[in-house]
Amino acid sequence: MAFDFKKEYKEFYMPKDKPSIVEVPPMQYVAVRGAGDPNLPEEDYQKAIEILYTVAYTLKMSYKTDHRIEGFFEYVVPPLEGFWYQEGVAGIDYGRKDKFRWISVIRLPDFIKQADFEWAVETAQKKKKLDCSKAELLTVEEGLCVQILHKGPFDDEPASVANMEQYAEAQGYCVDLGDRRLHHEIYLSDARRVPPENWKTVIRHPIRRR
């Protein structure tokens, strides 16, 4: 049976709808950086998602090609994730989506090395005729965080964010958002098939002791 990150690491991908504090280890991703409103179909965000999935699935299916990855085992491609920020804004201003800057990512197994990643980008470009040059292999070490499972539309996230930040404060922590520690979302629902009221999103903020 293929390895499933969501099932093996439930504390990171399947939290409860009540806040919790978690220590997140370093993880590596295929990543694409960009800016702008993610809801506009012709903007960079939708193109970034296409690149991410193309590279991610090229790596997943590498065992059916001549390229051999040391330590490879079959796995389920993890869900889409995103790190979000806005210049000059502490946290996220949901009313200014045009000011969003983002790093859209999909987690990769640790056995993926730079040479394997470069092979996947080159292979994807040739087979899919898609420019994947913006894709990068990125390692993120989030460390200590507070997180919550948000249910519903993205525009309703502020209530969940306030809930988890109040919880962190009550436990003796403060939110530590900054240039390197960003608002993080993990998308557990397919927005194309699931109505907004049923969307499930993991929201995670970095914290530190007061």
N, C-alpha and C. Protein backbone atom coordinates (compact mmCIF):
# COMPACT_ATOMS: atom_id res chain seq x y z
N MET A 1 0.85 -1.20 0.00
CA MET A 1 0.00 0.00 0.00
C MET A 1 0.88 1.25 0.00
N ALA A 2 0.49 2.24 -0.79
CA ALA A 2 1.28 3.46 -0.92
C ALA A 2 1.29 4.26 0.39
N PHE A 3 2.44 4.84 0.70
CA PHE A 3 2.59 5.65 1.92
C PHE A 3 1.74 6.91 1.78
N ASP A 4 0.96 7.23 2.81
CA ASP A 4 0.07 8.39 2.79
C ASP A 4 0.46 9.33 3.94
N PHE A 5 1.01 10.50 3.59
CA PHE A 5 1.46 11.45 4.60
C PHE A 5 0.33 11.85 5.54
N LYS A 6 -0.87 12.04 5.00
CA LYS A 6 -1.99 12.48 5.83
C LYS A 6 -2.33 11.47 6.91
N LYS A 7 -2.24 10.18 6.58
CA LYS A 7 -2.57 9.14 7.54
C LYS A 7 -1.43 8.87 8.51
N GLU A 8 -0.20 8.98 8.02
CA GLU A 8 0.96 8.67 8.86
C GLU A 8 1.30 9.82 9.81
N TYR A 9 0.95 11.04 9.41
CA TYR A 9 1.26 12.22 10.22
C TYR A 9 -0.02 13.01 10.49
N LYS A 10 -0.95 12.37 11.17
CA LYS A 10 -2.26 12.97 11.41
C LYS A 10 -2.15 14.26 12.22
N GLU A 11 -1.13 14.37 13.08
CA GLU A 11 -1.00 15.57 13.90
C GLU A 11 -0.74 16.81 13.06
N PHE A 12 -0.23 16.65 11.85
CA PHE A 12 0.06 17.78 10.97
C PHE A 12 -1.02 18.02 9.92
N TYR A 13 -1.72 16.97 9.53
CA TYR A 13 -2.67 17.08 8.42
C TYR A 13 -4.13 16.91 8.82
N MET A 14 -4.38 16.36 9.99
CA MET A 14 -5.77 16.09 10.38
C MET A 14 -6.02 16.52 11.82
N PRO A 15 -5.76 17.80 12.13
CA PRO A 15 -6.02 18.28 13.50
C PRO A 15 -7.52 18.43 13.74
N LYS A 16 -7.88 18.64 14.98
CA LYS A 16 -9.28 18.86 15.32
C LYS A 16 -9.66 20.32 15.05
N ASP A 17 -10.97 20.60 15.14
CA ASP A 17 -11.43 21.97 14.91
C ASP A 17 -11.31 22.80 16.19
N LYS A 18 -10.43 22.36 17.07
CA LYS A 18 -10.07 23.13 18.26
C LYS A 18 -8.56 23.36 18.20
N PRO A 19 -8.07 24.50 18.68
CA PRO A 19 -6.65 24.81 18.55
C PRO A 19 -5.76 23.80 19.27
N SER A 20 -4.57 23.61 18.73
CA SER A 20 -3.57 22.76 19.37
C SER A 20 -2.19 23.31 19.04
N ILE A 21 -1.23 22.98 19.88
CA ILE A 21 0.15 23.41 19.68
C ILE A 21 0.96 22.21 19.20
N VAL A 22 1.79 22.42 18.19
CA VAL A 22 2.53 21.33 17.57
C VAL A 22 3.93 21.79 17.20
N GLU A 23 4.88 20.89 17.30
CA GLU A 23 6.26 21.14 16.87
C GLU A 23 6.41 20.52 15.48
N VAL A 24 6.60 21.37 14.47
CA VAL A 24 6.65 20.91 13.08
C VAL A 24 8.11 20.73 12.65
N PRO A 25 8.50 19.53 12.23
CA PRO A 25 9.88 19.30 11.81
C PRO A 25 10.13 19.87 10.41
N PRO A 26 11.38 19.94 9.98
CA PRO A 26 11.68 20.40 8.62
C PRO A 26 10.99 19.49 7.59
N MET A 27 10.42 20.11 6.58
CA MET A 27 9.78 19.36 5.48
C MET A 27 10.22 19.98 4.17
N GLN A 28 10.32 19.14 3.14
CA GLN A 28 10.70 19.68 1.83
C GLN A 28 9.52 19.63 0.87
N TYR A 29 9.52 20.59 -0.02
CA TYR A 29 8.40 20.80 -0.92
C TYR A 29 8.88 21.12 -2.34
N VAL A 30 7.99 20.87 -3.31
CA VAL A 30 8.09 21.55 -4.59
C VAL A 30 7.32 22.83 -4.40
N ALA A 31 7.93 23.96 -4.76
CA ALA A 31 7.35 25.27 -4.45
C ALA A 31 7.37 26.18 -5.66
N VAL A 32 6.38 27.06 -5.73
CA VAL A 32 6.34 28.14 -6.73
C VAL A 32 5.92 29.41 -6.00
N ARG A 33 6.68 30.47 -6.20
CA ARG A 33 6.39 31.74 -5.55
C ARG A 33 5.64 32.66 -6.50
N GLY A 34 4.81 33.54 -5.91
CA GLY A 34 4.09 34.48 -6.74
C GLY A 34 3.38 35.54 -5.92
N ALA A 35 2.55 36.33 -6.60
CA ALA A 35 1.81 37.40 -5.95
C ALA A 35 0.49 37.61 -6.67
N GLY A 36 -0.47 38.18 -5.92
CA GLY A 36 -1.76 38.51 -6.52
C GLY A 36 -2.91 37.71 -5.96
N ASP A 37 -4.11 38.05 -6.40
CA ASP A 37 -5.35 37.44 -5.93
C ASP A 37 -5.43 35.99 -6.42
N PRO A 38 -5.51 35.01 -5.51
CA PRO A 38 -5.55 33.61 -5.94
C PRO A 38 -6.87 33.21 -6.60
N ASN A 39 -7.90 34.05 -6.48
CA ASN A 39 -9.22 33.71 -7.03
C ASN A 39 -9.38 34.08 -8.50
N LEU A 40 -8.42 34.82 -9.05
CA LEU A 40 -8.51 35.22 -10.45
C LEU A 40 -7.96 34.12 -11.34
N PRO A 41 -8.78 33.55 -12.22
CA PRO A 41 -8.37 32.36 -12.98
C PRO A 41 -7.19 32.58 -13.92
N GLU A 42 -6.98 33.78 -14.39
CA GLU A 42 -5.90 34.02 -15.35
C GLU A 42 -4.61 34.50 -14.69
N GLU A 43 -4.61 34.59 -13.38
CA GLU A 43 -3.43 35.09 -12.68
C GLU A 43 -2.44 33.96 -12.38
N ASP A 44 -1.31 34.32 -11.77
CA ASP A 44 -0.20 33.39 -11.59
C ASP A 44 -0.52 32.23 -10.66
N TYR A 45 -1.45 32.42 -9.72
CA TYR A 45 -1.70 31.37 -8.72
C TYR A 45 -2.18 30.08 -9.38
N GLN A 46 -3.12 30.18 -10.30
CA GLN A 46 -3.64 28.99 -10.97
C GLN A 46 -2.56 28.31 -11.81
N LYS A 47 -1.71 29.09 -12.42
CA LYS A 47 -0.60 28.53 -13.20
C LYS A 47 0.39 27.82 -12.27
N ALA A 48 0.61 28.40 -11.09
CA ALA A 48 1.53 27.80 -10.13
C ALA A 48 1.04 26.42 -9.70
N ILE A 49 -0.25 26.30 -9.46
CA ILE A 49 -0.82 25.02 -9.04
C ILE A 49 -0.60 23.96 -10.12
N GLU A 50 -0.79 24.34 -11.36
CA GLU A 50 -0.57 23.40 -12.47
C GLU A 50 0.88 22.92 -12.48
N ILE A 51 1.81 23.83 -12.28
CA ILE A 51 3.23 23.47 -12.24
C ILE A 51 3.50 22.51 -11.08
N LEU A 52 2.98 22.83 -9.92
CA LEU A 52 3.22 22.01 -8.72
C LEU A 52 2.76 20.57 -8.93
N TYR A 53 1.55 20.40 -9.39
CA TYR A 53 1.02 19.05 -9.56
C TYR A 53 1.75 18.30 -10.66
N THR A 54 2.15 19.01 -11.70
CA THR A 54 2.87 18.37 -12.80
C THR A 54 4.21 17.82 -12.32
N VAL A 55 4.95 18.62 -11.60
CA VAL A 55 6.25 18.16 -11.08
C VAL A 55 6.06 17.08 -10.02
N ALA A 56 5.09 17.28 -9.12
CA ALA A 56 4.87 16.32 -8.04
C ALA A 56 4.51 14.94 -8.59
N TYR A 57 3.65 14.89 -9.59
CA TYR A 57 3.25 13.60 -10.14
C TYR A 57 4.33 12.99 -11.03
N THR A 58 5.16 13.82 -11.62
CA THR A 58 6.30 13.29 -12.37
C THR A 58 7.24 12.54 -11.43
N LEU A 59 7.48 13.10 -10.24
CA LEU A 59 8.31 12.43 -9.24
C LEU A 59 7.63 11.17 -8.72
N LYS A 60 6.36 11.25 -8.44
CA LYS A 60 5.62 10.10 -7.92
C LYS A 60 5.69 8.91 -8.88
N MET A 61 5.60 9.19 -10.18
CA MET A 61 5.57 8.12 -11.17
C MET A 61 6.94 7.81 -11.75
N SER A 62 7.98 8.32 -11.13
CA SER A 62 9.34 8.13 -11.66
C SER A 62 9.74 6.66 -11.74
N TYR A 63 9.18 5.84 -10.86
CA TYR A 63 9.55 4.42 -10.86
C TYR A 63 9.12 3.69 -12.13
N LYS A 64 8.27 4.33 -12.92
CA LYS A 64 7.86 3.74 -14.19
C LYS A 64 8.71 4.23 -15.36
N THR A 65 9.76 4.98 -15.05
CA THR A 65 10.68 5.50 -16.07
C THR A 65 12.06 4.90 -15.85
N ASP A 66 13.00 5.36 -16.65
CA ASP A 66 14.39 4.90 -16.50
C ASP A 66 15.11 5.61 -15.36
N HIS A 67 14.51 6.65 -14.82
CA HIS A 67 15.16 7.39 -13.73
C HIS A 67 14.93 6.65 -12.41
N ARG A 68 16.01 6.38 -11.71
CA ARG A 68 15.93 5.66 -10.44
C ARG A 68 16.27 6.60 -9.29
N ILE A 69 15.38 6.68 -8.31
CA ILE A 69 15.59 7.53 -7.13
C ILE A 69 15.98 6.65 -5.95
N GLU A 70 17.12 6.91 -5.38
CA GLU A 70 17.59 6.10 -4.26
C GLU A 70 16.63 6.21 -3.07
N GLY A 71 16.24 5.07 -2.53
CA GLY A 71 15.35 5.04 -1.38
C GLY A 71 13.88 5.21 -1.73
N PHE A 72 13.55 5.21 -3.01
CA PHE A 72 12.17 5.47 -3.43
C PHE A 72 11.20 4.42 -2.90
N PHE A 73 10.01 4.88 -2.49
CA PHE A 73 8.88 4.00 -2.21
C PHE A 73 7.63 4.70 -2.72
N GLU A 74 6.63 3.91 -3.06
CA GLU A 74 5.40 4.48 -3.59
C GLU A 74 4.67 5.27 -2.51
N TYR A 75 4.09 6.40 -2.92
CA TYR A 75 3.43 7.27 -1.96
C TYR A 75 2.27 8.02 -2.62
N VAL A 76 1.37 8.51 -1.79
CA VAL A 76 0.26 9.35 -2.25
C VAL A 76 0.73 10.80 -2.26
N VAL A 77 0.48 11.51 -3.35
CA VAL A 77 0.85 12.92 -3.40
C VAL A 77 0.07 13.68 -2.32
N PRO A 78 0.77 14.38 -1.43
CA PRO A 78 0.09 15.11 -0.34
C PRO A 78 -0.74 16.27 -0.87
N PRO A 79 -1.56 16.87 -0.01
CA PRO A 79 -2.43 17.96 -0.45
C PRO A 79 -1.67 19.24 -0.76
N LEU A 80 -2.33 20.10 -1.50
CA LEU A 80 -1.80 21.43 -1.79
C LEU A 80 -1.72 22.25 -0.51
N GLU A 81 -0.65 23.05 -0.38
CA GLU A 81 -0.48 23.93 0.76
C GLU A 81 -0.05 25.31 0.29
N GLY A 82 -0.08 26.27 1.19
CA GLY A 82 0.34 27.61 0.83
C GLY A 82 0.85 28.39 2.02
N PHE A 83 1.93 29.12 1.82
CA PHE A 83 2.43 30.08 2.80
C PHE A 83 2.08 31.47 2.27
N TRP A 84 1.45 32.30 3.12
CA TRP A 84 0.89 33.57 2.68
C TRP A 84 1.41 34.74 3.51
N TYR A 85 1.61 35.87 2.85
CA TYR A 85 1.99 37.10 3.56
C TYR A 85 1.68 38.30 2.68
N GLN A 86 1.72 39.49 3.30
CA GLN A 86 1.51 40.76 2.62
C GLN A 86 2.54 41.75 3.15
N GLU A 87 3.16 42.46 2.27
CA GLU A 87 4.18 43.42 2.67
C GLU A 87 3.58 44.49 3.58
N GLY A 88 4.21 44.70 4.74
CA GLY A 88 3.77 45.75 5.64
C GLY A 88 2.55 45.42 6.45
N VAL A 89 2.10 44.15 6.42
CA VAL A 89 0.90 43.75 7.16
C VAL A 89 1.28 42.69 8.18
N ALA A 90 0.88 42.89 9.42
CA ALA A 90 1.10 41.88 10.46
C ALA A 90 -0.03 40.87 10.37
N GLY A 91 0.28 39.67 9.96
CA GLY A 91 -0.76 38.67 9.75
C GLY A 91 -1.29 38.74 8.33
N ILE A 92 -2.60 38.57 8.17
CA ILE A 92 -3.23 38.54 6.85
C ILE A 92 -4.44 39.46 6.83
N ASP A 93 -4.51 40.34 5.82
CA ASP A 93 -5.68 41.18 5.59
C ASP A 93 -6.50 40.55 4.47
N TYR A 94 -7.57 39.85 4.85
CA TYR A 94 -8.37 39.10 3.87
C TYR A 94 -9.11 40.02 2.91
N GLY A 95 -9.20 41.29 3.23
CA GLY A 95 -9.87 42.24 2.35
C GLY A 95 -8.98 42.77 1.24
N ARG A 96 -7.70 42.42 1.27
CA ARG A 96 -6.75 42.90 0.26
C ARG A 96 -6.07 41.74 -0.43
N LYS A 97 -6.87 40.92 -1.08
CA LYS A 97 -6.32 39.74 -1.75
C LYS A 97 -5.37 40.11 -2.88
N ASP A 98 -5.54 41.29 -3.45
CA ASP A 98 -4.66 41.72 -4.53
C ASP A 98 -3.23 41.96 -4.03
N LYS A 99 -3.06 42.11 -2.72
CA LYS A 99 -1.75 42.36 -2.12
C LYS A 99 -1.07 41.07 -1.63
N PHE A 100 -1.72 39.94 -1.84
CA PHE A 100 -1.13 38.69 -1.37
C PHE A 100 0.19 38.39 -2.06
N ARG A 101 1.12 37.90 -1.27
CA ARG A 101 2.31 37.23 -1.78
C ARG A 101 2.25 35.81 -1.23
N TRP A 102 2.62 34.84 -2.02
CA TRP A 102 2.43 33.46 -1.61
C TRP A 102 3.57 32.56 -2.10
N ILE A 103 3.72 31.48 -1.36
CA ILE A 103 4.58 30.37 -1.79
C ILE A 103 3.68 29.15 -1.79
N SER A 104 3.29 28.71 -2.96
CA SER A 104 2.40 27.57 -3.08
C SER A 104 3.26 26.31 -3.15
N VAL A 105 2.87 25.27 -2.37
CA VAL A 105 3.75 24.11 -2.23
C VAL A 105 2.97 22.80 -2.19
N ILE A 106 3.69 21.71 -2.50
CA ILE A 106 3.24 20.34 -2.26
C ILE A 106 4.42 19.60 -1.63
N ARG A 107 4.15 18.92 -0.54
CA ARG A 107 5.23 18.22 0.17
C ARG A 107 5.81 17.08 -0.68
N LEU A 108 7.12 16.88 -0.54
CA LEU A 108 7.82 15.80 -1.21
C LEU A 108 8.49 14.91 -0.17
N PRO A 109 8.64 13.62 -0.45
CA PRO A 109 9.36 12.73 0.46
C PRO A 109 10.81 13.17 0.61
N ASP A 110 11.40 12.80 1.74
CA ASP A 110 12.77 13.20 2.01
C ASP A 110 13.78 12.56 1.06
N PHE A 111 13.41 11.45 0.42
CA PHE A 111 14.38 10.80 -0.48
C PHE A 111 14.56 11.56 -1.81
N ILE A 112 13.74 12.56 -2.07
CA ILE A 112 13.90 13.36 -3.27
C ILE A 112 15.10 14.30 -3.09
N LYS A 113 16.08 14.19 -3.96
CA LYS A 113 17.26 15.04 -3.91
C LYS A 113 17.22 16.06 -5.05
N GLN A 114 18.14 17.01 -5.00
CA GLN A 114 18.14 18.08 -5.99
C GLN A 114 18.24 17.54 -7.41
N ALA A 115 19.08 16.52 -7.61
CA ALA A 115 19.23 15.95 -8.95
C ALA A 115 17.93 15.32 -9.44
N ASP A 116 17.20 14.65 -8.53
CA ASP A 116 15.91 14.06 -8.88
C ASP A 116 14.90 15.15 -9.23
N PHE A 117 14.94 16.22 -8.46
CA PHE A 117 14.01 17.33 -8.70
C PHE A 117 14.27 17.96 -10.06
N GLU A 118 15.53 18.19 -10.38
CA GLU A 118 15.87 18.79 -11.67
C GLU A 118 15.47 17.88 -12.81
N TRP A 119 15.62 16.57 -12.62
CA TRP A 119 15.16 15.62 -13.63
C TRP A 119 13.65 15.75 -13.85
N ALA A 120 12.89 15.86 -12.76
CA ALA A 120 11.44 15.95 -12.84
C ALA A 120 11.00 17.22 -13.56
N VAL A 121 11.65 18.34 -13.26
CA VAL A 121 11.30 19.60 -13.91
C VAL A 121 11.56 19.50 -15.42
N GLU A 122 12.71 18.96 -15.77
CA GLU A 122 13.06 18.84 -17.20
C GLU A 122 12.11 17.87 -17.91
N THR A 123 11.81 16.76 -17.26
CA THR A 123 10.91 15.76 -17.85
C THR A 123 9.51 16.32 -18.01
N ALA A 124 9.01 17.01 -16.99
CA ALA A 124 7.67 17.59 -17.05
C ALA A 124 7.56 18.60 -18.18
N GLN A 125 8.58 19.41 -18.34
CA GLN A 125 8.56 20.43 -19.40
C GLN A 125 8.49 19.78 -20.78
N LYS A 126 9.24 18.69 -20.96
CA LYS A 126 9.27 18.03 -22.27
C LYS A 126 7.96 17.31 -22.57
N LYS A 127 7.44 16.59 -21.57
CA LYS A 127 6.25 15.77 -21.80
C LYS A 127 4.97 16.59 -21.82
N LYS A 128 4.87 17.57 -20.93
CA LYS A 128 3.63 18.33 -20.79
C LYS A 128 3.67 19.67 -21.54
N LYS A 129 4.82 19.99 -22.11
CA LYS A 129 4.97 21.28 -22.83
C LYS A 129 4.58 22.44 -21.91
N LEU A 130 5.00 22.34 -20.65
CA LEU A 130 4.67 23.33 -19.64
C LEU A 130 5.95 23.91 -19.07
N ASP A 131 6.04 25.23 -19.00
CA ASP A 131 7.21 25.88 -18.44
C ASP A 131 7.20 25.71 -16.91
N CYS A 132 8.10 24.88 -16.41
CA CYS A 132 8.17 24.60 -14.97
C CYS A 132 9.40 25.25 -14.34
N SER A 133 9.96 26.24 -15.00
CA SER A 133 11.21 26.84 -14.53
C SER A 133 11.04 27.57 -13.20
N LYS A 134 9.81 27.93 -12.82
CA LYS A 134 9.60 28.63 -11.54
C LYS A 134 9.57 27.66 -10.36
N ALA A 135 9.52 26.38 -10.63
CA ALA A 135 9.48 25.40 -9.54
C ALA A 135 10.83 25.33 -8.85
N GLU A 136 10.80 25.19 -7.53
CA GLU A 136 12.04 25.04 -6.77
C GLU A 136 11.86 24.00 -5.69
N LEU A 137 12.96 23.41 -5.27
CA LEU A 137 12.96 22.47 -4.15
C LEU A 137 13.23 23.27 -2.89
N LEU A 138 12.24 23.30 -1.99
CA LEU A 138 12.29 24.19 -0.83
C LEU A 138 12.14 23.39 0.46
N THR A 139 13.01 23.67 1.43
CA THR A 139 12.87 23.09 2.77
C THR A 139 12.42 24.18 3.73
N VAL A 140 11.38 23.87 4.51
CA VAL A 140 10.83 24.82 5.47
C VAL A 140 10.87 24.18 6.85
N GLU A 141 11.39 24.92 7.82
CA GLU A 141 11.41 24.47 9.21
C GLU A 141 10.52 25.41 10.02
N GLU A 142 9.28 25.00 10.24
CA GLU A 142 8.31 25.87 10.92
C GLU A 142 8.53 25.92 12.42
N GLY A 143 8.92 24.82 13.01
CA GLY A 143 9.13 24.80 14.44
C GLY A 143 7.83 24.81 15.22
N LEU A 144 7.80 25.55 16.32
CA LEU A 144 6.65 25.57 17.21
C LEU A 144 5.51 26.39 16.61
N CYS A 145 4.32 25.80 16.54
CA CYS A 145 3.18 26.46 15.90
C CYS A 145 1.88 26.15 16.65
N VAL A 146 0.88 27.01 16.41
CA VAL A 146 -0.48 26.72 16.83
C VAL A 146 -1.28 26.49 15.56
N GLN A 147 -2.19 25.54 15.58
CA GLN A 147 -2.96 25.22 14.38
C GLN A 147 -4.39 24.86 14.73
N ILE A 148 -5.23 24.88 13.70
CA ILE A 148 -6.64 24.56 13.87
C ILE A 148 -7.19 24.07 12.54
N LEU A 149 -8.21 23.24 12.57
CA LEU A 149 -8.92 22.84 11.36
C LEU A 149 -10.07 23.80 11.15
N HIS A 150 -10.00 24.56 10.07
CA HIS A 150 -11.07 25.51 9.72
C HIS A 150 -12.03 24.83 8.76
N LYS A 151 -13.32 24.96 9.06
CA LYS A 151 -14.36 24.41 8.19
C LYS A 151 -15.17 25.55 7.60
N GLY A 152 -15.24 25.60 6.28
CA GLY A 152 -16.02 26.65 5.61
C GLY A 152 -15.19 27.46 4.64
N PRO A 153 -15.76 28.55 4.10
CA PRO A 153 -15.08 29.38 3.11
C PRO A 153 -13.82 30.04 3.67
N PHE A 154 -12.91 30.36 2.77
CA PHE A 154 -11.67 31.01 3.18
C PHE A 154 -11.94 32.37 3.82
N ASP A 155 -12.97 33.07 3.35
CA ASP A 155 -13.25 34.40 3.89
C ASP A 155 -13.72 34.36 5.34
N ASP A 156 -14.08 33.17 5.82
CA ASP A 156 -14.49 33.02 7.22
C ASP A 156 -13.32 32.64 8.13
N GLU A 157 -12.13 32.57 7.57
CA GLU A 157 -10.97 32.15 8.35
C GLU A 157 -10.63 33.05 9.54
N PRO A 158 -10.85 34.37 9.48
CA PRO A 158 -10.45 35.21 10.61
C PRO A 158 -10.97 34.75 11.96
N ALA A 159 -12.17 34.19 12.02
CA ALA A 159 -12.72 33.72 13.29
C ALA A 159 -11.90 32.55 13.82
N SER A 160 -11.50 31.63 12.93
CA SER A 160 -10.67 30.50 13.35
C SER A 160 -9.28 30.95 13.76
N VAL A 161 -8.74 31.93 13.03
CA VAL A 161 -7.42 32.48 13.36
C VAL A 161 -7.46 33.11 14.75
N ALA A 162 -8.49 33.90 15.02
CA ALA A 162 -8.62 34.55 16.33
C ALA A 162 -8.73 33.50 17.44
N ASN A 163 -9.47 32.45 17.17
CA ASN A 163 -9.65 31.38 18.15
C ASN A 163 -8.31 30.74 18.50
N MET A 164 -7.52 30.38 17.50
CA MET A 164 -6.27 29.68 17.80
C MET A 164 -5.23 30.63 18.40
N GLU A 165 -5.26 31.90 18.03
CA GLU A 165 -4.31 32.85 18.61
C GLU A 165 -4.65 33.15 20.06
N GLN A 166 -5.93 33.21 20.39
CA GLN A 166 -6.33 33.38 21.79
C GLN A 166 -5.91 32.18 22.62
N TYR A 167 -6.02 31.00 22.04
CA TYR A 167 -5.60 29.78 22.73
C TYR A 167 -4.10 29.82 23.00
N ALA A 168 -3.32 30.21 22.00
CA ALA A 168 -1.87 30.29 22.17
C ALA A 168 -1.50 31.27 23.28
N GLU A 169 -2.19 32.42 23.29
CA GLU A 169 -1.93 33.42 24.33
C GLU A 169 -2.22 32.85 25.71
N ALA A 170 -3.31 32.09 25.83
CA ALA A 170 -3.69 31.52 27.12
C ALA A 170 -2.68 30.47 27.60
N GLN A 171 -1.94 29.88 26.65
CA GLN A 171 -0.95 28.88 27.00
C GLN A 171 0.44 29.49 27.22
N GLY A 172 0.53 30.82 27.15
CA GLY A 172 1.80 31.48 27.41
C GLY A 172 2.65 31.74 26.19
N TYR A 173 2.03 31.73 25.00
CA TYR A 173 2.76 31.97 23.76
C TYR A 173 2.26 33.24 23.09
N CYS A 174 3.03 33.73 22.13
CA CYS A 174 2.56 34.81 21.27
C CYS A 174 2.86 34.44 19.83
N VAL A 175 2.06 34.94 18.93
CA VAL A 175 2.23 34.66 17.50
C VAL A 175 3.53 35.29 17.01
N ASP A 176 4.25 34.56 16.17
CA ASP A 176 5.58 34.98 15.74
C ASP A 176 5.67 35.06 14.21
N LEU A 177 4.68 35.68 13.60
CA LEU A 177 4.70 35.87 12.15
C LEU A 177 5.77 36.90 11.78
N GLY A 178 6.45 36.64 10.66
CA GLY A 178 7.50 37.57 10.23
C GLY A 178 7.96 37.23 8.83
N ASP A 179 9.15 37.68 8.47
CA ASP A 179 9.65 37.48 7.12
C ASP A 179 9.90 36.01 6.81
N ARG A 180 10.25 35.22 7.82
CA ARG A 180 10.59 33.82 7.58
C ARG A 180 9.57 32.85 8.14
N ARG A 181 8.70 33.31 9.01
CA ARG A 181 7.68 32.45 9.60
C ARG A 181 6.32 33.00 9.17
N LEU A 182 5.61 32.23 8.35
CA LEU A 182 4.46 32.75 7.61
C LEU A 182 3.16 32.03 7.97
N HIS A 183 2.06 32.72 7.68
CA HIS A 183 0.72 32.13 7.74
C HIS A 183 0.70 30.94 6.78
N HIS A 184 0.25 29.78 7.29
CA HIS A 184 0.33 28.53 6.53
C HIS A 184 -1.04 27.89 6.45
N GLU A 185 -1.41 27.45 5.25
CA GLU A 185 -2.68 26.76 5.04
C GLU A 185 -2.44 25.45 4.31
N ILE A 186 -3.20 24.41 4.70
CA ILE A 186 -3.17 23.11 4.03
C ILE A 186 -4.59 22.81 3.58
N TYR A 187 -4.77 22.56 2.30
CA TYR A 187 -6.11 22.44 1.72
C TYR A 187 -6.50 20.96 1.60
N LEU A 188 -7.43 20.55 2.46
CA LEU A 188 -7.83 19.15 2.51
C LEU A 188 -9.02 18.85 1.61
N SER A 189 -9.62 19.87 1.01
CA SER A 189 -10.79 19.69 0.16
C SER A 189 -10.48 20.13 -1.27
N ASP A 190 -11.12 19.49 -2.23
CA ASP A 190 -11.03 19.91 -3.62
C ASP A 190 -12.08 20.99 -3.85
N ALA A 191 -11.63 22.23 -3.96
CA ALA A 191 -12.56 23.36 -4.08
C ALA A 191 -13.40 23.31 -5.35
N ARG A 192 -12.97 22.50 -6.32
CA ARG A 192 -13.73 22.39 -7.57
C ARG A 192 -14.94 21.47 -7.41
N ARG A 193 -14.91 20.61 -6.40
CA ARG A 193 -15.96 19.59 -6.26
C ARG A 193 -16.75 19.71 -4.97
N VAL A 194 -16.18 20.37 -3.98
CA VAL A 194 -16.83 20.47 -2.67
C VAL A 194 -17.37 21.89 -2.47
N PRO A 195 -18.61 22.05 -2.02
CA PRO A 195 -19.16 23.39 -1.78
C PRO A 195 -18.39 24.10 -0.67
N PRO A 196 -18.27 25.43 -0.76
CA PRO A 196 -17.46 26.18 0.21
C PRO A 196 -17.80 25.92 1.67
N GLU A 197 -19.05 25.69 1.97
CA GLU A 197 -19.43 25.48 3.38
C GLU A 197 -18.83 24.18 3.94
N ASN A 198 -18.36 23.29 3.06
CA ASN A 198 -17.78 22.02 3.50
C ASN A 198 -16.25 21.97 3.34
N TRP A 199 -15.65 23.05 2.93
CA TRP A 199 -14.19 23.06 2.78
C TRP A 199 -13.50 22.84 4.12
N LYS A 200 -12.41 22.11 4.10
CA LYS A 200 -11.60 21.88 5.30
C LYS A 200 -10.18 22.36 5.03
N THR A 201 -9.70 23.25 5.89
CA THR A 201 -8.38 23.85 5.72
C THR A 201 -7.65 23.87 7.05
N VAL A 202 -6.45 23.33 7.07
CA VAL A 202 -5.60 23.46 8.26
C VAL A 202 -4.96 24.84 8.22
N ILE A 203 -5.13 25.61 9.30
CA ILE A 203 -4.48 26.92 9.41
C ILE A 203 -3.43 26.82 10.50
N ARG A 204 -2.23 27.32 10.21
CA ARG A 204 -1.12 27.18 11.15
C ARG A 204 -0.34 28.49 11.25
N HIS A 205 -0.08 28.92 12.49
CA HIS A 205 0.72 30.10 12.72
C HIS A 205 1.93 29.77 13.61
N PRO A 206 3.09 30.32 13.32
CA PRO A 206 4.24 30.12 14.19
C PRO A 206 4.06 30.88 15.50
N ILE A 207 4.59 30.32 16.59
CA ILE A 207 4.48 30.96 17.89
C ILE A 207 5.81 30.86 18.62
N ARG A 208 5.93 31.64 19.69
CA ARG A 208 7.09 31.55 20.56
C ARG A 208 6.63 31.87 21.98
N ARG A 209 7.46 31.47 22.95
CA ARG A 209 7.14 31.78 24.34
C ARG A 209 7.19 33.27 24.59
N ARG A 210 6.21 33.79 25.36
CA ARG A 210 6.22 35.20 25.70
C ARG A 210 7.42 35.52 26.61
